């Protein structure tokens, strides 16, 4: 009567124990309290507060422009049929604002990688 539940429980326990054993076997450092978690167990090569080159900031802004665009386009695509032409116009206005940011980044040289 409860064989199905027992099989699922057994498979779950075996999976949990197996993943834990795999984690312990493939760990870089055996004592996780010694190394910081953000480096996945590796010893850090530089200080955490080291500075980045200034040319990475415009690249970050371009990434955020495209990332925010995709963030808002997914829910927009779900409701565009219900909202009609107004939703299409609003999305093109939004894309125009983001395009202004991309044009600014292009003018500042964010797309030159050398």
PDB file of N, CA and C in Angstrom:
ATOM      1  N   UNK A   1       0.798  -1.184   0.000  1.00  0.00           N
ATOM      2  CA  UNK A   1       0.000   0.000   0.000  1.00  0.00           C
ATOM      3  C   UNK A   1       0.854   1.268   0.000  1.00  0.00           C
ATOM      4  N   UNK A   2       1.917   1.300   0.789  1.00  0.00           N
ATOM      5  CA  UNK A   2       2.787   2.466   0.859  1.00  0.00           C
ATOM      6  C   UNK A   2       4.112   2.236   0.145  1.00  0.00           C
ATOM      7  N   UNK A   3       4.195   1.226  -0.717  1.00  0.00           N
ATOM      8  CA  UNK A   3       5.457   0.915  -1.389  1.00  0.00           C
ATOM      9  C   UNK A   3       5.915   2.053  -2.285  1.00  0.00           C
ATOM     10  N   UNK A   4       4.992   2.707  -2.955  1.00  0.00           N
ATOM     11  CA  UNK A   4       5.360   3.830  -3.827  1.00  0.00           C
ATOM     12  C   UNK A   4       5.995   4.973  -3.052  1.00  0.00           C
ATOM     13  N   UNK A   5       5.404   5.285  -1.903  1.00  0.00           N
ATOM     14  CA  UNK A   5       5.956   6.363  -1.076  1.00  0.00           C
ATOM     15  C   UNK A   5       7.319   5.982  -0.511  1.00  0.00           C
ATOM     16  N   UNK A   6       7.487   4.707  -0.132  1.00  0.00           N
ATOM     17  CA  UNK A   6       8.780   4.263   0.392  1.00  0.00           C
ATOM     18  C   UNK A   6       9.861   4.295  -0.681  1.00  0.00           C
ATOM     19  N   UNK A   7       9.502   3.931  -1.907  1.00  0.00           N
ATOM     20  CA  UNK A   7      10.478   3.973  -3.005  1.00  0.00           C
ATOM     21  C   UNK A   7      10.892   5.420  -3.277  1.00  0.00           C
ATOM     22  N   UNK A   8       9.928   6.342  -3.314  1.00  0.00           N
ATOM     23  CA  UNK A   8      10.251   7.752  -3.540  1.00  0.00           C
ATOM     24  C   UNK A   8      11.118   8.291  -2.411  1.00  0.00           C
ATOM     25  N   UNK A   9      10.809   7.937  -1.168  1.00  0.00           N
ATOM     26  CA  UNK A   9      11.607   8.368  -0.031  1.00  0.00           C
ATOM     27  C   UNK A   9      13.024   7.804  -0.119  1.00  0.00           C
ATOM     28  N   UNK A  10      13.158   6.544  -0.491  1.00  0.00           N
ATOM     29  CA  UNK A  10      14.480   5.929  -0.610  1.00  0.00           C
ATOM     30  C   UNK A  10      15.292   6.583  -1.719  1.00  0.00           C
ATOM     31  N   UNK A  11      14.676   6.820  -2.876  1.00  0.00           N
ATOM     32  CA  UNK A  11      15.392   7.464  -3.983  1.00  0.00           C
ATOM     33  C   UNK A  11      15.825   8.867  -3.584  1.00  0.00           C
ATOM     34  N   UNK A  12      14.964   9.587  -2.869  1.00  0.00           N
ATOM     35  CA  UNK A  12      15.302  10.930  -2.414  1.00  0.00           C
ATOM     36  C   UNK A  12      16.470  10.910  -1.447  1.00  0.00           C
ATOM     37  N   UNK A  13      16.446  10.013  -0.490  1.00  0.00           N
ATOM     38  CA  UNK A  13      17.544   9.925   0.482  1.00  0.00           C
ATOM     39  C   UNK A  13      18.848   9.524  -0.179  1.00  0.00           C
ATOM     40  N   UNK A  14      18.793   8.555  -1.102  1.00  0.00           N
ATOM     41  CA  UNK A  14      20.005   8.152  -1.822  1.00  0.00           C
ATOM     42  C   UNK A  14      20.539   9.322  -2.637  1.00  0.00           C
ATOM     43  N   UNK A  15      19.649  10.095  -3.269  1.00  0.00           N
ATOM     44  CA  UNK A  15      20.075  11.259  -4.038  1.00  0.00           C
ATOM     45  C   UNK A  15      20.728  12.312  -3.174  1.00  0.00           C
ATOM     46  N   UNK A  16      20.143  12.582  -2.020  1.00  0.00           N
ATOM     47  CA  UNK A  16      20.701  13.590  -1.121  1.00  0.00           C
ATOM     48  C   UNK A  16      22.071  13.155  -0.611  1.00  0.00           C
ATOM     49  N   UNK A  17      22.179  11.917  -0.170  1.00  0.00           N
ATOM     50  CA  UNK A  17      23.458  11.417   0.337  1.00  0.00           C
ATOM     51  C   UNK A  17      24.491  11.380  -0.787  1.00  0.00           C
ATOM     52  N   UNK A  18      24.084  11.000  -1.986  1.00  0.00           N
ATOM     53  CA  UNK A  18      25.008  10.951  -3.123  1.00  0.00           C
ATOM     54  C   UNK A  18      25.521  12.328  -3.503  1.00  0.00           C
ATOM     55  N   UNK A  19      24.638  13.332  -3.541  1.00  0.00           N
ATOM     56  CA  UNK A  19      25.069  14.687  -3.867  1.00  0.00           C
ATOM     57  C   UNK A  19      25.970  15.265  -2.778  1.00  0.00           C
ATOM     58  N   UNK A  20      25.672  14.946  -1.520  1.00  0.00           N
ATOM     59  CA  UNK A  20      26.532  15.409  -0.434  1.00  0.00           C
ATOM     60  C   UNK A  20      27.924  14.773  -0.534  1.00  0.00           C
ATOM     61  N   UNK A  21      27.968  13.483  -0.845  1.00  0.00           N
ATOM     62  CA  UNK A  21      29.257  12.796  -0.991  1.00  0.00           C
ATOM     63  C   UNK A  21      30.032  13.350  -2.187  1.00  0.00           C
ATOM     64  N   UNK A  22      29.338  13.637  -3.292  1.00  0.00           N
ATOM     65  CA  UNK A  22      30.001  14.218  -4.457  1.00  0.00           C
ATOM     66  C   UNK A  22      30.552  15.594  -4.134  1.00  0.00           C
ATOM     67  N   UNK A  23      29.802  16.371  -3.361  1.00  0.00           N
ATOM     68  CA  UNK A  23      30.269  17.693  -2.962  1.00  0.00           C
ATOM     69  C   UNK A  23      31.517  17.596  -2.097  1.00  0.00           C
ATOM     70  N   UNK A  24      31.522  16.678  -1.164  1.00  0.00           N
ATOM     71  CA  UNK A  24      32.692  16.512  -0.292  1.00  0.00           C
ATOM     72  C   UNK A  24      33.901  15.983  -1.060  1.00  0.00           C
ATOM     73  N   UNK A  25      33.647  15.104  -2.043  1.00  0.00           N
ATOM     74  CA  UNK A  25      34.755  14.523  -2.801  1.00  0.00           C
ATOM     75  C   UNK A  25      35.375  15.529  -3.765  1.00  0.00           C
ATOM     76  N   UNK A  26      34.590  16.445  -4.284  1.00  0.00           N
ATOM     77  CA  UNK A  26      35.111  17.390  -5.273  1.00  0.00           C
ATOM     78  C   UNK A  26      35.442  18.748  -4.680  1.00  0.00           C
ATOM     79  N   UNK A  27      35.376  18.892  -3.377  1.00  0.00           N
ATOM     80  CA  UNK A  27      35.659  20.178  -2.739  1.00  0.00           C
ATOM     81  C   UNK A  27      37.134  20.508  -2.859  1.00  0.00           C
ATOM     82  N   UNK A  28      37.431  21.784  -3.101  1.00  0.00           N
ATOM     83  CA  UNK A  28      38.817  22.216  -3.223  1.00  0.00           C
ATOM     84  C   UNK A  28      39.479  22.237  -1.853  1.00  0.00           C
ATOM     85  N   UNK A  29      38.769  22.725  -0.862  1.00  0.00           N
ATOM     86  CA  UNK A  29      39.289  22.824   0.493  1.00  0.00           C
ATOM     87  C   UNK A  29      38.374  22.018   1.405  1.00  0.00           C
ATOM     88  N   UNK A  30      38.952  21.246   2.260  1.00  0.00           N
ATOM     89  CA  UNK A  30      38.144  20.392   3.131  1.00  0.00           C
ATOM     90  C   UNK A  30      37.470  21.177   4.252  1.00  0.00           C
ATOM     91  N   UNK A  31      38.058  22.297   4.677  1.00  0.00           N
ATOM     92  CA  UNK A  31      37.481  23.093   5.752  1.00  0.00           C
ATOM     93  C   UNK A  31      36.875  24.357   5.159  1.00  0.00           C
ATOM     94  N   UNK A  32      35.556  24.421   4.989  1.00  0.00           N
ATOM     95  CA  UNK A  32      34.959  25.587   4.337  1.00  0.00           C
ATOM     96  C   UNK A  32      35.011  26.863   5.160  1.00  0.00           C
ATOM     97  N   UNK A  33      35.344  26.774   6.440  1.00  0.00           N
ATOM     98  CA  UNK A  33      35.417  27.973   7.267  1.00  0.00           C
ATOM     99  C   UNK A  33      36.716  28.739   7.062  1.00  0.00           C
ATOM    100  N   UNK A  34      37.678  28.123   6.370  1.00  0.00           N
ATOM    101  CA  UNK A  34      38.971  28.769   6.164  1.00  0.00           C
ATOM    102  C   UNK A  34      38.909  29.729   4.977  1.00  0.00           C
ATOM    103  N   UNK A  35      38.226  29.354   3.906  1.00  0.00           N
ATOM    104  CA  UNK A  35      38.181  30.178   2.701  1.00  0.00           C
ATOM    105  C   UNK A  35      36.814  30.826   2.557  1.00  0.00           C
ATOM    106  N   UNK A  36      36.754  31.993   1.950  1.00  0.00           N
ATOM    107  CA  UNK A  36      35.470  32.673   1.788  1.00  0.00           C
ATOM    108  C   UNK A  36      34.574  31.959   0.781  1.00  0.00           C
ATOM    109  N   UNK A  37      33.273  32.031   0.962  1.00  0.00           N
ATOM    110  CA  UNK A  37      32.370  31.302   0.077  1.00  0.00           C
ATOM    111  C   UNK A  37      32.266  31.897  -1.319  1.00  0.00           C
ATOM    112  N   UNK A  38      32.559  33.197  -1.501  1.00  0.00           N
ATOM    113  CA  UNK A  38      32.392  33.801  -2.813  1.00  0.00           C
ATOM    114  C   UNK A  38      33.436  33.334  -3.811  1.00  0.00           C
ATOM    115  N   UNK A  39      34.501  32.674  -3.352  1.00  0.00           N
ATOM    116  CA  UNK A  39      35.499  32.151  -4.275  1.00  0.00           C
ATOM    117  C   UNK A  39      35.359  30.650  -4.468  1.00  0.00           C
ATOM    118  N   UNK A  40      34.270  30.075  -4.034  1.00  0.00           N
ATOM    119  CA  UNK A  40      33.971  28.649  -4.200  1.00  0.00           C
ATOM    120  C   UNK A  40      35.056  27.755  -3.619  1.00  0.00           C
ATOM    121  N   UNK A  41      35.667  28.190  -2.566  1.00  0.00           N
ATOM    122  CA  UNK A  41      36.671  27.371  -1.904  1.00  0.00           C
ATOM    123  C   UNK A  41      38.094  27.672  -2.327  1.00  0.00           C
ATOM    124  N   UNK A  42      38.288  28.419  -3.412  1.00  0.00           N
ATOM    125  CA  UNK A  42      39.646  28.772  -3.845  1.00  0.00           C
ATOM    126  C   UNK A  42      40.158  29.927  -2.997  1.00  0.00           C
ATOM    127  N   UNK A  43      41.447  29.946  -2.773  1.00  0.00           N
ATOM    128  CA  UNK A  43      42.042  31.071  -2.069  1.00  0.00           C
ATOM    129  C   UNK A  43      42.018  32.287  -2.979  1.00  0.00           C
ATOM    130  N   UNK A  44      41.647  33.462  -2.487  1.00  0.00           N
ATOM    131  CA  UNK A  44      41.556  34.643  -3.346  1.00  0.00           C
ATOM    132  C   UNK A  44      42.929  35.063  -3.860  1.00  0.00           C
ATOM    133  N   UNK A  45      42.960  35.517  -5.128  1.00  0.00           N
ATOM    134  CA  UNK A  45      44.208  35.963  -5.735  1.00  0.00           C
ATOM    135  C   UNK A  45      44.468  37.445  -5.501  1.00  0.00           C
ATOM    136  N   UNK A  46      43.423  38.212  -5.227  1.00  0.00           N
ATOM    137  CA  UNK A  46      43.578  39.631  -4.971  1.00  0.00           C
ATOM    138  C   UNK A  46      42.578  40.056  -3.910  1.00  0.00           C
ATOM    139  N   UNK A  47      42.733  41.248  -3.434  1.00  0.00           N
ATOM    140  CA  UNK A  47      41.858  41.759  -2.390  1.00  0.00           C
ATOM    141  C   UNK A  47      40.447  41.951  -2.941  1.00  0.00           C
ATOM    142  N   UNK A  48      39.444  41.734  -2.112  1.00  0.00           N
ATOM    143  CA  UNK A  48      38.051  41.833  -2.545  1.00  0.00           C
ATOM    144  C   UNK A  48      37.657  43.254  -2.915  1.00  0.00           C
ATOM    145  N   UNK A  49      38.340  44.239  -2.388  1.00  0.00           N
ATOM    146  CA  UNK A  49      38.013  45.632  -2.678  1.00  0.00           C
ATOM    147  C   UNK A  49      38.938  46.236  -3.723  1.00  0.00           C
ATOM    148  N   UNK A  50      39.586  45.391  -4.534  1.00  0.00           N
ATOM    149  CA  UNK A  50      40.462  45.927  -5.570  1.00  0.00           C
ATOM    150  C   UNK A  50      39.638  46.672  -6.613  1.00  0.00           C
ATOM    151  N   UNK A  51      40.262  47.608  -7.279  1.00  0.00           N
ATOM    152  CA  UNK A  51      39.551  48.472  -8.222  1.00  0.00           C
ATOM    153  C   UNK A  51      39.500  47.832  -9.601  1.00  0.00           C
ATOM    154  N   UNK A  52      38.405  48.139 -10.301  1.00  0.00           N
ATOM    155  CA  UNK A  52      38.267  47.743 -11.698  1.00  0.00           C
ATOM    156  C   UNK A  52      38.689  48.906 -12.575  1.00  0.00           C
ATOM    157  N   UNK A  53      39.112  48.589 -13.781  1.00  0.00           N
ATOM    158  CA  UNK A  53      39.484  49.634 -14.720  1.00  0.00           C
ATOM    159  C   UNK A  53      38.238  50.437 -15.089  1.00  0.00           C
ATOM    160  N   UNK A  54      38.401  51.723 -15.317  1.00  0.00           N
ATOM    161  CA  UNK A  54      37.262  52.600 -15.583  1.00  0.00           C
ATOM    162  C   UNK A  54      36.550  52.263 -16.882  1.00  0.00           C
ATOM    163  N   UNK A  55      37.185  51.575 -17.809  1.00  0.00           N
ATOM    164  CA  UNK A  55      36.525  51.267 -19.081  1.00  0.00           C
ATOM    165  C   UNK A  55      35.428  50.210 -18.921  1.00  0.00           C
ATOM    166  N   UNK A  56      35.372  49.531 -17.779  1.00  0.00           N
ATOM    167  CA  UNK A  56      34.326  48.529 -17.577  1.00  0.00           C
ATOM    168  C   UNK A  56      32.990  49.151 -17.180  1.00  0.00           C
ATOM    169  N   UNK A  57      32.971  50.381 -16.691  1.00  0.00           N
ATOM    170  CA  UNK A  57      31.727  50.997 -16.264  1.00  0.00           C
ATOM    171  C   UNK A  57      30.768  51.273 -17.421  1.00  0.00           C
ATOM    172  N   UNK A  58      31.224  51.829 -18.562  1.00  0.00           N
ATOM    173  CA  UNK A  58      30.280  51.967 -19.691  1.00  0.00           C
ATOM    174  C   UNK A  58      29.774  50.624 -20.202  1.00  0.00           C
ATOM    175  N   UNK A  59      30.606  49.612 -20.187  1.00  0.00           N
ATOM    176  CA  UNK A  59      30.169  48.277 -20.612  1.00  0.00           C
ATOM    177  C   UNK A  59      29.077  47.773 -19.663  1.00  0.00           C
ATOM    178  N   UNK A  60      29.231  48.052 -18.388  1.00  0.00           N
ATOM    179  CA  UNK A  60      28.219  47.660 -17.412  1.00  0.00           C
ATOM    180  C   UNK A  60      26.901  48.383 -17.672  1.00  0.00           C
ATOM    181  N   UNK A  61      26.964  49.647 -18.017  1.00  0.00           N
ATOM    182  CA  UNK A  61      25.744  50.390 -18.310  1.00  0.00           C
ATOM    183  C   UNK A  61      25.038  49.841 -19.551  1.00  0.00           C
ATOM    184  N   UNK A  62      25.801  49.454 -20.565  1.00  0.00           N
ATOM    185  CA  UNK A  62      25.195  48.867 -21.763  1.00  0.00           C
ATOM    186  C   UNK A  62      24.544  47.533 -21.408  1.00  0.00           C
ATOM    187  N   UNK A  63      25.219  46.732 -20.599  1.00  0.00           N
ATOM    188  CA  UNK A  63      24.629  45.465 -20.181  1.00  0.00           C
ATOM    189  C   UNK A  63      23.325  45.699 -19.425  1.00  0.00           C
ATOM    190  N   UNK A  64      23.319  46.663 -18.525  1.00  0.00           N
ATOM    191  CA  UNK A  64      22.098  46.944 -17.769  1.00  0.00           C
ATOM    192  C   UNK A  64      20.979  47.436 -18.677  1.00  0.00           C
ATOM    193  N   UNK A  65      21.317  48.215 -19.709  1.00  0.00           N
ATOM    194  CA  UNK A  65      20.283  48.681 -20.634  1.00  0.00           C
ATOM    195  C   UNK A  65      19.621  47.499 -21.326  1.00  0.00           C
ATOM    196  N   UNK A  66      20.419  46.571 -21.824  1.00  0.00           N
ATOM    197  CA  UNK A  66      19.841  45.409 -22.498  1.00  0.00           C
ATOM    198  C   UNK A  66      19.165  44.465 -21.518  1.00  0.00           C
ATOM    199  N   UNK A  67      19.695  44.365 -20.322  1.00  0.00           N
ATOM    200  CA  UNK A  67      19.108  43.487 -19.322  1.00  0.00           C
ATOM    201  C   UNK A  67      17.748  44.010 -18.866  1.00  0.00           C
ATOM    202  N   UNK A  68      17.658  45.295 -18.626  1.00  0.00           N
ATOM    203  CA  UNK A  68      16.382  45.892 -18.221  1.00  0.00           C
ATOM    204  C   UNK A  68      15.371  45.795 -19.358  1.00  0.00           C
ATOM    205  N   UNK A  69      15.857  45.934 -20.584  1.00  0.00           N
ATOM    206  CA  UNK A  69      14.961  45.794 -21.728  1.00  0.00           C
ATOM    207  C   UNK A  69      14.318  44.414 -21.740  1.00  0.00           C
ATOM    208  N   UNK A  70      15.098  43.385 -21.564  1.00  0.00           N
ATOM    209  CA  UNK A  70      14.557  42.024 -21.563  1.00  0.00           C
ATOM    210  C   UNK A  70      13.670  41.788 -20.350  1.00  0.00           C
ATOM    211  N   UNK A  71      14.014  42.402 -19.230  1.00  0.00           N
ATOM    212  CA  UNK A  71      13.217  42.240 -18.019  1.00  0.00           C
ATOM    213  C   UNK A  71      11.789  42.735 -18.216  1.00  0.00           C
ATOM    214  N   UNK A  72      11.634  43.818 -18.957  1.00  0.00           N
ATOM    215  CA  UNK A  72      10.301  44.370 -19.175  1.00  0.00           C
ATOM    216  C   UNK A  72       9.612  43.813 -20.410  1.00  0.00           C
ATOM    217  N   UNK A  73      10.364  43.215 -21.324  1.00  0.00           N
ATOM    218  CA  UNK A  73       9.729  42.706 -22.544  1.00  0.00           C
ATOM    219  C   UNK A  73       9.010  41.380 -22.311  1.00  0.00           C
ATOM    220  N   UNK A  74       9.440  40.577 -21.355  1.00  0.00           N
ATOM    221  CA  UNK A  74       8.761  39.303 -21.114  1.00  0.00           C
ATOM    222  C   UNK A  74       7.325  39.496 -20.614  1.00  0.00           C
ATOM    223  N   UNK A  75       7.094  40.290 -19.566  1.00  0.00           N
ATOM    224  CA  UNK A  75       5.693  40.483 -19.170  1.00  0.00           C
ATOM    225  C   UNK A  75       4.892  41.267 -20.212  1.00  0.00           C
ATOM    226  N   UNK A  76       5.568  42.160 -20.930  1.00  0.00           N
ATOM    227  CA  UNK A  76       4.873  42.904 -21.983  1.00  0.00           C
ATOM    228  C   UNK A  76       4.377  41.966 -23.064  1.00  0.00           C
ATOM    229  N   UNK A  77       5.185  40.986 -23.433  1.00  0.00           N
ATOM    230  CA  UNK A  77       4.781  40.030 -24.469  1.00  0.00           C
ATOM    231  C   UNK A  77       3.580  39.201 -24.019  1.00  0.00           C
ATOM    232  N   UNK A  78       3.427  39.018 -22.727  1.00  0.00           N
ATOM    233  CA  UNK A  78       2.304  38.222 -22.235  1.00  0.00           C
ATOM    234  C   UNK A  78       0.982  38.982 -22.291  1.00  0.00           C
ATOM    235  N   UNK A  79       1.025  40.310 -22.214  1.00  0.00           N
ATOM    236  CA  UNK A  79      -0.217  41.078 -22.156  1.00  0.00           C
ATOM    237  C   UNK A  79      -0.453  41.935 -23.397  1.00  0.00           C
ATOM    238  N   UNK A  80       0.429  41.887 -24.391  1.00  0.00           N
ATOM    239  CA  UNK A  80       0.300  42.784 -25.535  1.00  0.00           C
ATOM    240  C   UNK A  80      -0.976  42.505 -26.330  1.00  0.00           C
ATOM    241  N   UNK A  81      -1.399  41.268 -26.437  1.00  0.00           N
ATOM    242  CA  UNK A  81      -2.615  40.946 -27.193  1.00  0.00           C
ATOM    243  C   UNK A  81      -3.850  41.492 -26.485  1.00  0.00           C
ATOM    244  N   UNK A  82      -3.830  41.505 -25.174  1.00  0.00           N
ATOM    245  CA  UNK A  82      -4.976  41.993 -24.408  1.00  0.00           C
ATOM    246  C   UNK A  82      -5.025  43.523 -24.382  1.00  0.00           C
ATOM    247  N   UNK A  83      -3.855  44.164 -24.327  1.00  0.00           N
ATOM    248  CA  UNK A  83      -3.802  45.620 -24.201  1.00  0.00           C
ATOM    249  C   UNK A  83      -3.988  46.342 -25.535  1.00  0.00           C
ATOM    250  N   UNK A  84      -3.543  45.714 -26.630  1.00  0.00           N
ATOM    251  CA  UNK A  84      -3.739  46.305 -27.941  1.00  0.00           C
ATOM    252  C   UNK A  84      -2.624  47.248 -28.353  1.00  0.00           C
ATOM    253  N   UNK A  85      -2.987  48.230 -29.166  1.00  0.00           N
ATOM    254  CA  UNK A  85      -2.019  49.140 -29.778  1.00  0.00           C
ATOM    255  C   UNK A  85      -1.334  50.017 -28.730  1.00  0.00           C
ATOM    256  N   UNK A  86      -2.012  50.357 -27.656  1.00  0.00           N
ATOM    257  CA  UNK A  86      -1.397  51.189 -26.614  1.00  0.00           C
ATOM    258  C   UNK A  86      -0.148  50.524 -26.035  1.00  0.00           C
ATOM    259  N   UNK A  87      -0.187  49.226 -25.845  1.00  0.00           N
ATOM    260  CA  UNK A  87       0.975  48.515 -25.307  1.00  0.00           C
ATOM    261  C   UNK A  87       2.139  48.539 -26.285  1.00  0.00           C
ATOM    262  N   UNK A  88       1.847  48.440 -27.563  1.00  0.00           N
ATOM    263  CA  UNK A  88       2.917  48.479 -28.570  1.00  0.00           C
ATOM    264  C   UNK A  88       3.568  49.860 -28.586  1.00  0.00           C
ATOM    265  N   UNK A  89       2.770  50.904 -28.505  1.00  0.00           N
ATOM    266  CA  UNK A  89       3.311  52.264 -28.499  1.00  0.00           C
ATOM    267  C   UNK A  89       4.162  52.495 -27.252  1.00  0.00           C
ATOM    268  N   UNK A  90       3.680  52.044 -26.096  1.00  0.00           N
ATOM    269  CA  UNK A  90       4.448  52.205 -24.857  1.00  0.00           C
ATOM    270  C   UNK A  90       5.779  51.464 -24.932  1.00  0.00           C
ATOM    271  N   UNK A  91       5.782  50.274 -25.536  1.00  0.00           N
ATOM    272  CA  UNK A  91       7.034  49.529 -25.631  1.00  0.00           C
ATOM    273  C   UNK A  91       8.019  50.224 -26.549  1.00  0.00           C
ATOM    274  N   UNK A  92       7.543  50.809 -27.648  1.00  0.00           N
ATOM    275  CA  UNK A  92       8.460  51.510 -28.538  1.00  0.00           C
ATOM    276  C   UNK A  92       9.004  52.787 -27.889  1.00  0.00           C
ATOM    277  N   UNK A  93       8.213  53.448 -27.057  1.00  0.00           N
ATOM    278  CA  UNK A  93       8.726  54.595 -26.302  1.00  0.00           C
ATOM    279  C   UNK A  93       9.808  54.128 -25.330  1.00  0.00           C
ATOM    280  N   UNK A  94       9.560  53.027 -24.648  1.00  0.00           N
ATOM    281  CA  UNK A  94      10.537  52.467 -23.714  1.00  0.00           C
ATOM    282  C   UNK A  94      11.822  52.081 -24.444  1.00  0.00           C
ATOM    283  N   UNK A  95      11.692  51.426 -25.587  1.00  0.00           N
ATOM    284  CA  UNK A  95      12.867  51.049 -26.363  1.00  0.00           C
ATOM    285  C   UNK A  95      13.612  52.279 -26.872  1.00  0.00           C
ATOM    286  N   UNK A  96      12.889  53.344 -27.172  1.00  0.00           N
ATOM    287  CA  UNK A  96      13.541  54.580 -27.590  1.00  0.00           C
ATOM    288  C   UNK A  96      14.386  55.181 -26.478  1.00  0.00           C
ATOM    289  N   UNK A  97      13.874  55.138 -25.260  1.00  0.00           N
ATOM    290  CA  UNK A  97      14.650  55.644 -24.115  1.00  0.00           C
ATOM    291  C   UNK A  97      15.904  54.800 -23.920  1.00  0.00           C
ATOM    292  N   UNK A  98      15.770  53.489 -24.019  1.00  0.00           N
ATOM    293  CA  UNK A  98      16.949  52.626 -23.891  1.00  0.00           C
ATOM    294  C   UNK A  98      17.918  52.840 -25.045  1.00  0.00           C
ATOM    295  N   UNK A  99      17.398  53.091 -26.226  1.00  0.00           N
ATOM    296  CA  UNK A  99      18.266  53.346 -27.372  1.00  0.00           C
ATOM    297  C   UNK A  99      19.080  54.614 -27.161  1.00  0.00           C
ATOM    298  N   UNK A 100      18.512  55.601 -26.484  1.00  0.00           N
ATOM    299  CA  UNK A 100      19.278  56.806 -26.159  1.00  0.00           C
ATOM    300  C   UNK A 100      20.484  56.451 -25.282  1.00  0.00           C
ATOM    301  N   UNK A 101      20.297  55.554 -24.338  1.00  0.00           N
ATOM    302  CA  UNK A 101      21.415  55.113 -23.501  1.00  0.00           C
ATOM    303  C   UNK A 101      22.466  54.359 -24.289  1.00  0.00           C
ATOM    304  N   UNK A 102      22.035  53.543 -25.238  1.00  0.00           N
ATOM    305  CA  UNK A 102      22.990  52.793 -26.059  1.00  0.00           C
ATOM    306  C   UNK A 102      23.752  53.739 -26.978  1.00  0.00           C
ATOM    307  N   UNK A 103      23.063  54.735 -27.539  1.00  0.00           N
ATOM    308  CA  UNK A 103      23.742  55.716 -28.399  1.00  0.00           C
ATOM    309  C   UNK A 103      24.760  56.506 -27.582  1.00  0.00           C
ATOM    310  N   UNK A 104      24.404  56.863 -26.358  1.00  0.00           N
ATOM    311  CA  UNK A 104      25.357  57.556 -25.494  1.00  0.00           C
ATOM    312  C   UNK A 104      26.587  56.692 -25.240  1.00  0.00           C
ATOM    313  N   UNK A 105      26.374  55.405 -24.948  1.00  0.00           N
ATOM    314  CA  UNK A 105      27.499  54.506 -24.686  1.00  0.00           C
ATOM    315  C   UNK A 105      28.353  54.335 -25.937  1.00  0.00           C
ATOM    316  N   UNK A 106      27.717  54.284 -27.085  1.00  0.00           N
ATOM    317  CA  UNK A 106      28.464  54.168 -28.338  1.00  0.00           C
ATOM    318  C   UNK A 106      29.325  55.421 -28.543  1.00  0.00           C
ATOM    319  N   UNK A 107      28.732  56.584 -28.271  1.00  0.00           N
ATOM    320  CA  UNK A 107      29.457  57.834 -28.427  1.00  0.00           C
ATOM    321  C   UNK A 107      30.643  57.904 -27.441  1.00  0.00           C
ATOM    322  N   UNK A 108      30.452  57.341 -26.259  1.00  0.00           N
ATOM    323  CA  UNK A 108      31.532  57.346 -25.260  1.00  0.00           C
ATOM    324  C   UNK A 108      32.595  56.297 -25.532  1.00  0.00           C
ATOM    325  N   UNK A 109      32.342  55.400 -26.494  1.00  0.00           N
ATOM    326  CA  UNK A 109      33.341  54.399 -26.857  1.00  0.00           C
ATOM    327  C   UNK A 109      33.245  53.106 -26.078  1.00  0.00           C
ATOM    328  N   UNK A 110      32.077  52.790 -25.558  1.00  0.00           N
ATOM    329  CA  UNK A 110      31.931  51.567 -24.764  1.00  0.00           C
ATOM    330  C   UNK A 110      32.025  50.320 -25.621  1.00  0.00           C
ATOM    331  N   UNK A 111      31.809  50.439 -26.906  1.00  0.00           N
ATOM    332  CA  UNK A 111      31.848  49.266 -27.772  1.00  0.00           C
ATOM    333  C   UNK A 111      33.227  49.020 -28.370  1.00  0.00           C
ATOM    334  N   UNK A 112      34.191  49.882 -28.081  1.00  0.00           N
ATOM    335  CA  UNK A 112      35.572  49.654 -28.521  1.00  0.00           C
ATOM    336  C   UNK A 112      36.267  48.822 -27.456  1.00  0.00           C
ATOM    337  N   UNK A 113      36.698  47.647 -27.794  1.00  0.00           N
ATOM    338  CA  UNK A 113      37.254  46.725 -26.807  1.00  0.00           C
ATOM    339  C   UNK A 113      38.763  46.829 -26.669  1.00  0.00           C
ATOM    340  N   UNK A 114      39.399  47.572 -27.535  1.00  0.00           N
ATOM    341  CA  UNK A 114      40.861  47.662 -27.466  1.00  0.00           C
ATOM    342  C   UNK A 114      41.290  48.887 -26.710  1.00  0.00           C
TER     343      UNK A 114
END
